[in-house]
Amino acid sequence: MGERERDTETGEFVDKYPREALLEAIRESGGIAATSEVAEAVEADRNTVYKKLQLMEADGDVSSRKAGGIRVWEVGVE
């Protein structure tokens, strides 16, 4: 099993898929994107991204809805 990267100052694990990277992926899709599109953009597993986006939704960073059988995520375009 690979060793996770740690911050050299704090010793904490570095977030491999930071919130800002997921938000940027949604913004680059015009402010709305399916889970699989976000996962592809950040080169991550779809389930990993889905769980992270759920946490972000609980924090108010994104919103989601079902559209045609898939979940799409929205963020305001700046």
C-alpha atoms as a PDB file:
ATOM      1  CA  MET A   1       0.000   0.000   0.000  1.00  0.00           C
ATOM      2  CA  GLY A   2       1.355   3.442  -0.946  1.00  0.00           C
ATOM      3  CA  GLU A   3       2.330   6.021   1.642  1.00  0.00           C
ATOM      4  CA  ARG A   4       0.093   9.102   1.707  1.00  0.00           C
ATOM      5  CA  GLU A   5       1.771  12.477   1.379  1.00  0.00           C
ATOM      6  CA  ARG A   6       2.108  14.529   4.560  1.00  0.00           C
ATOM      7  CA  ASP A   7       2.486  18.267   5.050  1.00  0.00           C
ATOM      8  CA  THR A   8       6.126  18.902   5.984  1.00  0.00           C
ATOM      9  CA  GLU A   9       5.233  21.546   8.588  1.00  0.00           C
ATOM     10  CA  THR A  10       2.177  20.059  10.316  1.00  0.00           C
ATOM     11  CA  GLY A  11       2.634  16.361   9.596  1.00  0.00           C
ATOM     12  CA  GLU A  12      -1.028  16.147   8.579  1.00  0.00           C
ATOM     13  CA  PHE A  13      -2.050  14.216   5.492  1.00  0.00           C
ATOM     14  CA  VAL A  14      -2.341  16.332   2.340  1.00  0.00           C
ATOM     15  CA  ASP A  15      -5.811  16.286   0.779  1.00  0.00           C
ATOM     16  CA  LYS A  16      -5.310  14.577  -2.588  1.00  0.00           C
ATOM     17  CA  TYR A  17      -8.532  16.096  -3.963  1.00  0.00           C
ATOM     18  CA  PRO A  18      -8.948  19.524  -2.354  1.00  0.00           C
ATOM     19  CA  ARG A  19     -12.355  21.205  -2.376  1.00  0.00           C
ATOM     20  CA  GLU A  20     -11.096  23.980  -4.631  1.00  0.00           C
ATOM     21  CA  ALA A  21     -10.105  21.432  -7.306  1.00  0.00           C
ATOM     22  CA  LEU A  22     -13.634  19.995  -7.301  1.00  0.00           C
ATOM     23  CA  LEU A  23     -15.205  23.452  -7.377  1.00  0.00           C
ATOM     24  CA  GLU A  24     -12.950  24.446 -10.279  1.00  0.00           C
ATOM     25  CA  ALA A  25     -13.949  21.320 -12.207  1.00  0.00           C
ATOM     26  CA  ILE A  26     -17.624  22.246 -11.813  1.00  0.00           C
ATOM     27  CA  ARG A  27     -16.986  25.890 -12.748  1.00  0.00           C
ATOM     28  CA  GLU A  28     -15.105  24.822 -15.892  1.00  0.00           C
ATOM     29  CA  SER A  29     -18.191  22.832 -16.915  1.00  0.00           C
ATOM     30  CA  GLY A  30     -20.271  25.999 -16.850  1.00  0.00           C
ATOM     31  CA  GLY A  31     -21.240  25.799 -13.190  1.00  0.00           C
ATOM     32  CA  ILE A  32     -22.941  22.386 -13.355  1.00  0.00           C
ATOM     33  CA  ALA A  33     -21.433  18.907 -13.751  1.00  0.00           C
ATOM     34  CA  ALA A  34     -22.230  15.250 -13.165  1.00  0.00           C
ATOM     35  CA  THR A  35     -20.269  13.347 -10.550  1.00  0.00           C
ATOM     36  CA  SER A  36     -18.459  11.376 -13.246  1.00  0.00           C
ATOM     37  CA  GLU A  37     -17.426  14.587 -15.036  1.00  0.00           C
ATOM     38  CA  VAL A  38     -15.924  16.006 -11.852  1.00  0.00           C
ATOM     39  CA  ALA A  39     -14.163  12.708 -11.146  1.00  0.00           C
ATOM     40  CA  GLU A  40     -12.682  12.643 -14.634  1.00  0.00           C
ATOM     41  CA  ALA A  41     -11.508  16.253 -14.374  1.00  0.00           C
ATOM     42  CA  VAL A  42      -9.617  15.641 -11.125  1.00  0.00           C
ATOM     43  CA  GLU A  43      -8.549  12.103 -12.093  1.00  0.00           C
ATOM     44  CA  ALA A  44     -10.235  10.466  -9.112  1.00  0.00           C
ATOM     45  CA  ASP A  45     -12.556   7.553  -8.450  1.00  0.00           C
ATOM     46  CA  ARG A  46     -16.220   8.510  -8.910  1.00  0.00           C
ATOM     47  CA  ASN A  47     -17.209   7.218  -5.465  1.00  0.00           C
ATOM     48  CA  THR A  48     -14.440   9.214  -3.799  1.00  0.00           C
ATOM     49  CA  VAL A  49     -15.600  12.386  -5.543  1.00  0.00           C
ATOM     50  CA  TYR A  50     -19.263  11.672  -4.765  1.00  0.00           C
ATOM     51  CA  LYS A  51     -18.536  11.357  -1.033  1.00  0.00           C
ATOM     52  CA  LYS A  52     -16.445  14.531  -1.052  1.00  0.00           C
ATOM     53  CA  LEU A  53     -19.165  16.442  -2.928  1.00  0.00           C
ATOM     54  CA  GLN A  54     -21.765  15.248  -0.400  1.00  0.00           C
ATOM     55  CA  LEU A  55     -19.652  16.738   2.403  1.00  0.00           C
ATOM     56  CA  MET A  56     -19.257  19.932   0.415  1.00  0.00           C
ATOM     57  CA  GLU A  57     -23.023  20.101  -0.088  1.00  0.00           C
ATOM     58  CA  ALA A  58     -23.586  19.737   3.665  1.00  0.00           C
ATOM     59  CA  ASP A  59     -21.210  22.691   4.138  1.00  0.00           C
ATOM     60  CA  GLY A  60     -23.063  24.767   1.528  1.00  0.00           C
ATOM     61  CA  ASP A  61     -20.240  24.828  -1.039  1.00  0.00           C
ATOM     62  CA  VAL A  62     -22.303  23.127  -3.764  1.00  0.00           C
ATOM     63  CA  SER A  63     -25.870  22.017  -4.381  1.00  0.00           C
ATOM     64  CA  SER A  64     -27.093  18.937  -6.206  1.00  0.00           C
ATOM     65  CA  ARG A  65     -30.133  17.487  -7.895  1.00  0.00           C
ATOM     66  CA  LYS A  66     -31.094  14.423  -9.876  1.00  0.00           C
ATOM     67  CA  ALA A  67     -31.285  14.973 -13.624  1.00  0.00           C
ATOM     68  CA  GLY A  68     -32.096  12.125 -15.981  1.00  0.00           C
ATOM     69  CA  GLY A  69     -31.031   9.474 -13.494  1.00  0.00           C
ATOM     70  CA  ILE A  70     -27.701  11.068 -12.578  1.00  0.00           C
ATOM     71  CA  ARG A  71     -26.698  13.467  -9.830  1.00  0.00           C
ATOM     72  CA  VAL A  72     -25.476  16.853 -11.001  1.00  0.00           C
ATOM     73  CA  TRP A  73     -23.635  19.355  -8.854  1.00  0.00           C
ATOM     74  CA  GLU A  74     -23.901  23.122  -9.115  1.00  0.00           C
ATOM     75  CA  VAL A  75     -21.797  26.011  -7.967  1.00  0.00           C
ATOM     76  CA  GLY A  76     -22.144  29.700  -8.736  1.00  0.00           C
ATOM     77  CA  VAL A  77     -19.981  30.802 -11.647  1.00  0.00           C
ATOM     78  CA  GLU A  78     -17.666  33.676 -10.701  1.00  0.00           C
END
